[in-house]
Amino acid sequence: MDLKDSKNKILLYDGDCGFCNSSVQFVLKNKKVDDIYFATLQSSFAQQKMKAKGIEIKMDTLYFLKNDTIYSKSSGALQLTKELKFPYPIFLGFYIIPKFIRDYFYSAVAKRRHKISVRYCILPSENEKKLFLSDNSHH
């Protein structure tokens, strides 16, 4: 799989954040199909991808790469809901709220993310392991 030219969906998240890791578990349980990949913001994959896009990584931000577009903060979370089973896509209705307001609430949660959920280690199933892009994976 050539991620450079693909239309894959990739969720970039803070691998040292328990809340972020539990969010990845939520996506794994509720996704429609196995076409979402995951990479930590600490990985060289994420560093290279974001640098190529001219984006400085902020550890308190979720990034969702879809069709070669990077969505961040509340927009990333809302785009991600499209990929989940019902009823989660109805959250797309929040797009009517101006981005600066959505991102204010996103940032309020992000600031407290380490207190919301303590460290949490993802233990993906054998089938899910192929969805995680690590520095030593050859995707």
N, C-alpha and C. Protein backbone atom coordinates (compact mmCIF):
# COMPACT_ATOMS: atom_id res chain seq x y z
N MET A 1 0.84 -1.18 0.00
CA MET A 1 0.00 0.00 0.00
C MET A 1 0.89 1.24 0.00
N ASP A 2 0.69 2.13 -0.91
CA ASP A 2 1.46 3.36 -0.99
C ASP A 2 0.64 4.48 -0.38
N LEU A 3 0.98 4.84 0.85
CA LEU A 3 0.19 5.85 1.55
C LEU A 3 0.37 7.24 0.96
N LYS A 4 1.45 7.44 0.24
CA LYS A 4 1.69 8.76 -0.33
C LYS A 4 0.59 9.14 -1.33
N ASP A 5 0.16 8.20 -2.13
CA ASP A 5 -0.82 8.49 -3.17
C ASP A 5 -2.20 7.91 -2.88
N SER A 6 -2.34 7.27 -1.74
CA SER A 6 -3.60 6.59 -1.47
C SER A 6 -4.67 7.55 -0.95
N LYS A 7 -5.87 7.03 -0.90
CA LYS A 7 -6.97 7.80 -0.33
C LYS A 7 -7.35 7.22 1.03
N ASN A 8 -6.39 6.59 1.68
CA ASN A 8 -6.66 5.99 2.97
C ASN A 8 -6.98 7.05 4.01
N LYS A 9 -7.66 6.63 5.02
CA LYS A 9 -8.02 7.49 6.14
C LYS A 9 -7.08 7.14 7.28
N ILE A 10 -6.40 8.15 7.81
CA ILE A 10 -5.41 7.91 8.86
C ILE A 10 -5.69 8.85 10.02
N LEU A 11 -5.84 8.28 11.20
CA LEU A 11 -6.03 9.05 12.42
C LEU A 11 -4.68 9.19 13.10
N LEU A 12 -4.25 10.43 13.30
CA LEU A 12 -2.99 10.73 13.98
C LEU A 12 -3.33 11.22 15.38
N TYR A 13 -2.78 10.56 16.39
CA TYR A 13 -3.16 10.86 17.77
C TYR A 13 -1.94 10.82 18.69
N ASP A 14 -2.08 11.41 19.87
CA ASP A 14 -1.02 11.43 20.88
C ASP A 14 -0.94 10.06 21.54
N GLY A 15 0.11 9.33 21.25
CA GLY A 15 0.27 7.98 21.77
C GLY A 15 0.53 7.93 23.27
N ASP A 16 0.88 9.07 23.89
CA ASP A 16 1.15 9.12 25.32
C ASP A 16 -0.06 9.57 26.12
N CYS A 17 -1.20 9.69 25.46
CA CYS A 17 -2.40 10.21 26.10
C CYS A 17 -3.42 9.09 26.29
N GLY A 18 -3.80 8.83 27.55
CA GLY A 18 -4.78 7.79 27.83
C GLY A 18 -6.12 8.07 27.19
N PHE A 19 -6.57 9.32 27.23
CA PHE A 19 -7.85 9.69 26.62
C PHE A 19 -7.80 9.44 25.11
N CYS A 20 -6.67 9.80 24.49
CA CYS A 20 -6.51 9.60 23.04
C CYS A 20 -6.51 8.11 22.69
N ASN A 21 -5.82 7.31 23.49
CA ASN A 21 -5.76 5.88 23.26
C ASN A 21 -7.13 5.23 23.44
N SER A 22 -7.89 5.68 24.44
CA SER A 22 -9.23 5.12 24.60
C SER A 22 -10.13 5.57 23.46
N SER A 23 -9.87 6.75 22.90
CA SER A 23 -10.63 7.21 21.73
C SER A 23 -10.34 6.32 20.51
N VAL A 24 -9.08 5.90 20.37
CA VAL A 24 -8.72 4.99 19.28
C VAL A 24 -9.46 3.66 19.47
N GLN A 25 -9.53 3.17 20.70
CA GLN A 25 -10.28 1.94 20.98
C GLN A 25 -11.75 2.11 20.59
N PHE A 26 -12.31 3.28 20.87
CA PHE A 26 -13.70 3.57 20.52
C PHE A 26 -13.89 3.50 19.00
N VAL A 27 -12.96 4.09 18.26
CA VAL A 27 -13.03 4.06 16.79
C VAL A 27 -12.92 2.62 16.29
N LEU A 28 -11.99 1.85 16.86
CA LEU A 28 -11.84 0.45 16.45
C LEU A 28 -13.13 -0.34 16.65
N LYS A 29 -13.84 -0.08 17.73
CA LYS A 29 -15.07 -0.81 18.03
C LYS A 29 -16.25 -0.34 17.19
N ASN A 30 -16.23 0.93 16.74
CA ASN A 30 -17.42 1.51 16.10
C ASN A 30 -17.26 1.86 14.62
N LYS A 31 -16.11 1.57 14.03
CA LYS A 31 -15.90 1.90 12.62
C LYS A 31 -16.76 1.00 11.73
N LYS A 32 -17.14 1.54 10.58
CA LYS A 32 -17.96 0.75 9.64
C LYS A 32 -17.14 -0.35 8.99
N VAL A 33 -15.95 0.00 8.49
CA VAL A 33 -15.07 -0.96 7.81
C VAL A 33 -13.62 -0.73 8.22
N ASP A 34 -12.77 -1.69 7.89
CA ASP A 34 -11.35 -1.59 8.24
C ASP A 34 -10.57 -0.75 7.25
N ASP A 35 -10.95 0.52 7.09
CA ASP A 35 -10.17 1.36 6.18
C ASP A 35 -9.60 2.58 6.88
N ILE A 36 -9.63 2.59 8.21
CA ILE A 36 -9.01 3.66 8.98
C ILE A 36 -7.72 3.12 9.57
N TYR A 37 -6.64 3.84 9.33
CA TYR A 37 -5.34 3.48 9.87
C TYR A 37 -5.01 4.45 11.01
N PHE A 38 -4.07 4.05 11.85
CA PHE A 38 -3.74 4.83 13.03
C PHE A 38 -2.23 5.00 13.12
N ALA A 39 -1.79 6.20 13.53
CA ALA A 39 -0.38 6.45 13.77
C ALA A 39 -0.27 7.47 14.90
N THR A 40 0.70 7.27 15.77
CA THR A 40 0.89 8.23 16.84
C THR A 40 1.59 9.47 16.30
N LEU A 41 1.32 10.60 16.93
CA LEU A 41 1.97 11.85 16.53
C LEU A 41 3.47 11.78 16.78
N GLN A 42 3.89 10.87 17.66
CA GLN A 42 5.31 10.71 17.97
C GLN A 42 6.05 9.92 16.89
N SER A 43 5.35 9.25 16.01
CA SER A 43 5.99 8.40 15.00
C SER A 43 6.65 9.23 13.90
N SER A 44 7.68 8.67 13.30
CA SER A 44 8.32 9.37 12.19
C SER A 44 7.35 9.46 11.00
N PHE A 45 6.45 8.49 10.87
CA PHE A 45 5.44 8.56 9.81
C PHE A 45 4.63 9.85 9.93
N ALA A 46 4.10 10.12 11.14
CA ALA A 46 3.30 11.32 11.35
C ALA A 46 4.15 12.57 11.17
N GLN A 47 5.36 12.54 11.70
CA GLN A 47 6.25 13.71 11.58
C GLN A 47 6.50 14.05 10.10
N GLN A 48 6.79 13.03 9.30
CA GLN A 48 7.07 13.25 7.88
C GLN A 48 5.82 13.70 7.13
N LYS A 49 4.68 13.07 7.43
CA LYS A 49 3.43 13.40 6.75
C LYS A 49 3.04 14.85 7.03
N MET A 50 3.13 15.26 8.27
CA MET A 50 2.74 16.61 8.65
C MET A 50 3.73 17.64 8.12
N LYS A 51 5.00 17.30 8.15
CA LYS A 51 6.02 18.22 7.62
C LYS A 51 5.79 18.43 6.12
N ALA A 52 5.46 17.35 5.41
CA ALA A 52 5.19 17.44 3.97
C ALA A 52 3.99 18.35 3.69
N LYS A 53 3.06 18.40 4.62
CA LYS A 53 1.86 19.24 4.48
C LYS A 53 2.10 20.65 5.04
N GLY A 54 3.29 20.88 5.61
CA GLY A 54 3.59 22.20 6.18
C GLY A 54 2.85 22.48 7.47
N ILE A 55 2.54 21.41 8.22
CA ILE A 55 1.79 21.56 9.47
C ILE A 55 2.68 21.20 10.64
N GLU A 56 2.76 22.10 11.61
CA GLU A 56 3.50 21.84 12.84
C GLU A 56 2.60 21.04 13.77
N ILE A 57 3.07 19.90 14.22
CA ILE A 57 2.28 19.03 15.09
C ILE A 57 2.09 19.67 16.46
N LYS A 58 0.87 19.66 16.90
CA LYS A 58 0.50 20.07 18.25
C LYS A 58 0.00 18.80 18.95
N MET A 59 0.61 18.45 20.06
CA MET A 59 0.29 17.18 20.72
C MET A 59 -1.12 17.14 21.28
N ASP A 60 -1.74 18.30 21.48
CA ASP A 60 -3.10 18.31 22.02
C ASP A 60 -4.16 18.31 20.91
N THR A 61 -3.75 17.92 19.72
CA THR A 61 -4.64 17.96 18.57
C THR A 61 -4.74 16.60 17.90
N LEU A 62 -5.97 16.21 17.59
CA LEU A 62 -6.23 15.03 16.79
C LEU A 62 -6.19 15.48 15.33
N TYR A 63 -5.53 14.71 14.49
CA TYR A 63 -5.50 14.99 13.05
C TYR A 63 -6.09 13.80 12.33
N PHE A 64 -6.95 14.08 11.37
CA PHE A 64 -7.55 13.01 10.58
C PHE A 64 -7.26 13.31 9.12
N LEU A 65 -6.48 12.43 8.51
CA LEU A 65 -6.11 12.55 7.11
C LEU A 65 -7.12 11.76 6.29
N LYS A 66 -7.78 12.44 5.37
CA LYS A 66 -8.78 11.78 4.53
C LYS A 66 -8.70 12.37 3.13
N ASN A 67 -8.53 11.49 2.15
CA ASN A 67 -8.41 11.93 0.75
C ASN A 67 -7.37 13.04 0.60
N ASP A 68 -6.24 12.87 1.27
CA ASP A 68 -5.10 13.78 1.21
C ASP A 68 -5.38 15.16 1.80
N THR A 69 -6.44 15.29 2.57
CA THR A 69 -6.75 16.53 3.29
C THR A 69 -6.59 16.23 4.77
N ILE A 70 -5.97 17.15 5.51
CA ILE A 70 -5.82 16.96 6.94
C ILE A 70 -6.82 17.84 7.67
N TYR A 71 -7.64 17.19 8.48
CA TYR A 71 -8.62 17.87 9.33
C TYR A 71 -8.08 17.82 10.75
N SER A 72 -8.23 18.91 11.49
CA SER A 72 -7.71 18.93 12.86
C SER A 72 -8.78 19.36 13.85
N LYS A 73 -8.49 19.09 15.10
CA LYS A 73 -9.36 19.44 16.22
C LYS A 73 -10.80 18.99 15.98
N SER A 74 -11.76 19.90 16.17
CA SER A 74 -13.17 19.50 16.06
C SER A 74 -13.53 19.03 14.65
N SER A 75 -12.93 19.63 13.64
CA SER A 75 -13.21 19.21 12.26
C SER A 75 -12.72 17.78 12.02
N GLY A 76 -11.57 17.43 12.59
CA GLY A 76 -11.05 16.07 12.48
C GLY A 76 -11.97 15.08 13.16
N ALA A 77 -12.43 15.44 14.36
CA ALA A 77 -13.34 14.55 15.10
C ALA A 77 -14.66 14.39 14.35
N LEU A 78 -15.19 15.47 13.80
CA LEU A 78 -16.46 15.39 13.07
C LEU A 78 -16.31 14.58 11.78
N GLN A 79 -15.22 14.79 11.05
CA GLN A 79 -14.97 13.99 9.84
C GLN A 79 -14.88 12.51 10.18
N LEU A 80 -14.29 12.22 11.32
CA LEU A 80 -14.14 10.84 11.77
C LEU A 80 -15.51 10.19 12.03
N THR A 81 -16.48 10.97 12.50
CA THR A 81 -17.80 10.39 12.79
C THR A 81 -18.47 9.84 11.53
N LYS A 82 -18.11 10.37 10.36
CA LYS A 82 -18.66 9.85 9.09
C LYS A 82 -18.29 8.39 8.88
N GLU A 83 -17.18 7.98 9.48
CA GLU A 83 -16.64 6.64 9.27
C GLU A 83 -17.16 5.64 10.29
N LEU A 84 -17.97 6.11 11.23
CA LEU A 84 -18.45 5.26 12.30
C LEU A 84 -19.88 4.78 12.03
N LYS A 85 -20.25 3.73 12.74
CA LYS A 85 -21.60 3.18 12.63
C LYS A 85 -22.62 4.15 13.22
N PHE A 86 -23.88 3.98 12.82
CA PHE A 86 -24.96 4.76 13.37
C PHE A 86 -24.99 4.55 14.89
N PRO A 87 -25.20 5.55 15.69
CA PRO A 87 -25.75 6.88 15.43
C PRO A 87 -24.70 7.97 15.29
N TYR A 88 -23.40 7.62 15.32
CA TYR A 88 -22.34 8.63 15.42
C TYR A 88 -22.29 9.63 14.26
N PRO A 89 -22.62 9.25 13.02
CA PRO A 89 -22.60 10.24 11.94
C PRO A 89 -23.56 11.42 12.15
N ILE A 90 -24.53 11.28 13.02
CA ILE A 90 -25.43 12.43 13.24
C ILE A 90 -24.70 13.59 13.91
N PHE A 91 -23.54 13.34 14.51
CA PHE A 91 -22.76 14.43 15.10
C PHE A 91 -22.27 15.41 14.04
N LEU A 92 -22.32 15.02 12.77
CA LEU A 92 -21.93 15.94 11.69
C LEU A 92 -22.77 17.21 11.72
N GLY A 93 -23.93 17.13 12.32
CA GLY A 93 -24.77 18.32 12.46
C GLY A 93 -24.08 19.45 13.20
N PHE A 94 -23.08 19.12 14.01
CA PHE A 94 -22.33 20.15 14.74
C PHE A 94 -21.52 21.04 13.81
N TYR A 95 -21.40 20.66 12.53
CA TYR A 95 -20.69 21.51 11.57
C TYR A 95 -21.38 22.87 11.42
N ILE A 96 -22.65 22.97 11.79
CA ILE A 96 -23.34 24.27 11.68
C ILE A 96 -22.81 25.26 12.72
N ILE A 97 -22.17 24.75 13.76
CA ILE A 97 -21.56 25.62 14.77
C ILE A 97 -20.24 26.14 14.20
N PRO A 98 -20.00 27.45 14.30
CA PRO A 98 -18.73 27.99 13.77
C PRO A 98 -17.51 27.28 14.35
N LYS A 99 -16.50 27.07 13.50
CA LYS A 99 -15.30 26.32 13.88
C LYS A 99 -14.63 26.89 15.13
N PHE A 100 -14.58 28.22 15.27
CA PHE A 100 -13.89 28.79 16.43
C PHE A 100 -14.61 28.41 17.74
N ILE A 101 -15.91 28.23 17.70
CA ILE A 101 -16.66 27.81 18.89
C ILE A 101 -16.43 26.32 19.14
N ARG A 102 -16.52 25.50 18.06
CA ARG A 102 -16.28 24.06 18.20
C ARG A 102 -14.88 23.81 18.74
N ASP A 103 -13.89 24.53 18.18
CA ASP A 103 -12.50 24.33 18.59
C ASP A 103 -12.24 24.82 20.02
N TYR A 104 -13.00 25.81 20.47
CA TYR A 104 -12.87 26.27 21.86
C TYR A 104 -13.20 25.11 22.80
N PHE A 105 -14.31 24.43 22.54
CA PHE A 105 -14.71 23.30 23.39
C PHE A 105 -13.77 22.11 23.21
N TYR A 106 -13.31 21.89 21.97
CA TYR A 106 -12.34 20.83 21.72
C TYR A 106 -11.08 21.08 22.57
N SER A 107 -10.58 22.32 22.52
CA SER A 107 -9.36 22.67 23.25
C SER A 107 -9.54 22.55 24.76
N ALA A 108 -10.74 22.86 25.26
CA ALA A 108 -11.01 22.74 26.70
C ALA A 108 -10.86 21.29 27.14
N VAL A 109 -11.36 20.36 26.33
CA VAL A 109 -11.23 18.94 26.64
C VAL A 109 -9.77 18.51 26.46
N ALA A 110 -9.15 18.96 25.37
CA ALA A 110 -7.77 18.57 25.07
C ALA A 110 -6.80 18.99 26.18
N LYS A 111 -7.04 20.16 26.77
CA LYS A 111 -6.20 20.65 27.86
C LYS A 111 -6.25 19.72 29.07
N ARG A 112 -7.39 19.08 29.27
CA ARG A 112 -7.60 18.23 30.43
C ARG A 112 -7.49 16.74 30.10
N ARG A 113 -7.05 16.42 28.90
CA ARG A 113 -7.10 15.04 28.43
C ARG A 113 -6.30 14.08 29.30
N HIS A 114 -5.19 14.53 29.88
CA HIS A 114 -4.39 13.63 30.72
C HIS A 114 -5.05 13.38 32.07
N LYS A 115 -5.92 14.29 32.50
CA LYS A 115 -6.64 14.10 33.77
C LYS A 115 -7.91 13.29 33.56
N ILE A 116 -8.49 13.38 32.35
CA ILE A 116 -9.74 12.68 32.04
C ILE A 116 -9.53 11.17 32.07
N SER A 117 -8.43 10.73 31.50
CA SER A 117 -8.15 9.31 31.43
C SER A 117 -6.65 9.11 31.63
N VAL A 118 -6.31 8.30 32.60
CA VAL A 118 -4.90 8.04 32.86
C VAL A 118 -4.32 7.21 31.73
N ARG A 119 -3.02 7.01 31.79
CA ARG A 119 -2.35 6.26 30.71
C ARG A 119 -3.10 4.98 30.39
N TYR A 120 -3.18 4.69 29.12
CA TYR A 120 -3.99 3.59 28.63
C TYR A 120 -3.25 3.00 27.46
N CYS A 121 -2.96 1.73 27.54
CA CYS A 121 -2.21 1.08 26.48
C CYS A 121 -3.15 0.33 25.54
N ILE A 122 -3.00 0.57 24.26
CA ILE A 122 -3.83 -0.13 23.27
C ILE A 122 -3.22 -1.51 23.02
N LEU A 123 -4.04 -2.52 23.13
CA LEU A 123 -3.63 -3.87 22.78
C LEU A 123 -4.52 -4.34 21.64
N PRO A 124 -4.12 -4.00 20.42
CA PRO A 124 -4.96 -4.36 19.27
C PRO A 124 -4.97 -5.86 19.03
N SER A 125 -6.08 -6.33 18.48
CA SER A 125 -6.18 -7.74 18.11
C SER A 125 -5.23 -7.99 16.94
N GLU A 126 -5.03 -9.25 16.60
CA GLU A 126 -4.17 -9.59 15.46
C GLU A 126 -4.67 -8.90 14.19
N ASN A 127 -5.98 -8.89 13.99
CA ASN A 127 -6.57 -8.27 12.81
C ASN A 127 -6.39 -6.75 12.81
N GLU A 128 -6.44 -6.13 13.99
CA GLU A 128 -6.32 -4.67 14.11
C GLU A 128 -4.88 -4.20 13.97
N LYS A 129 -3.91 -5.07 14.28
CA LYS A 129 -2.49 -4.66 14.24
C LYS A 129 -2.10 -4.10 12.88
N LYS A 130 -2.68 -4.62 11.81
CA LYS A 130 -2.32 -4.15 10.46
C LYS A 130 -2.80 -2.71 10.21
N LEU A 131 -3.67 -2.20 11.08
CA LEU A 131 -4.19 -0.84 10.91
C LEU A 131 -3.32 0.22 11.59
N PHE A 132 -2.31 -0.23 12.35
CA PHE A 132 -1.43 0.70 13.05
C PHE A 132 -0.14 0.88 12.27
N LEU A 133 0.13 2.13 11.93
CA LEU A 133 1.33 2.46 11.15
C LEU A 133 2.42 2.86 12.14
N SER A 134 3.42 2.01 12.25
CA SER A 134 4.51 2.32 13.16
C SER A 134 5.77 2.60 12.35
N ASP A 135 6.78 3.06 13.05
CA ASP A 135 8.03 3.39 12.35
C ASP A 135 8.67 2.17 11.70
N ASN A 136 8.32 0.98 12.16
CA ASN A 136 8.92 -0.20 11.56
C ASN A 136 7.93 -0.96 10.69
N SER A 137 6.75 -0.36 10.42
CA SER A 137 5.83 -1.03 9.48
C SER A 137 6.19 -0.62 8.08
N HIS A 138 5.90 -1.47 7.15
CA HIS A 138 6.32 -1.23 5.76
C HIS A 138 5.12 -0.96 4.87
N HIS A 139 4.25 -0.04 5.30
CA HIS A 139 3.05 0.31 4.53
C HIS A 139 3.42 1.29 3.47
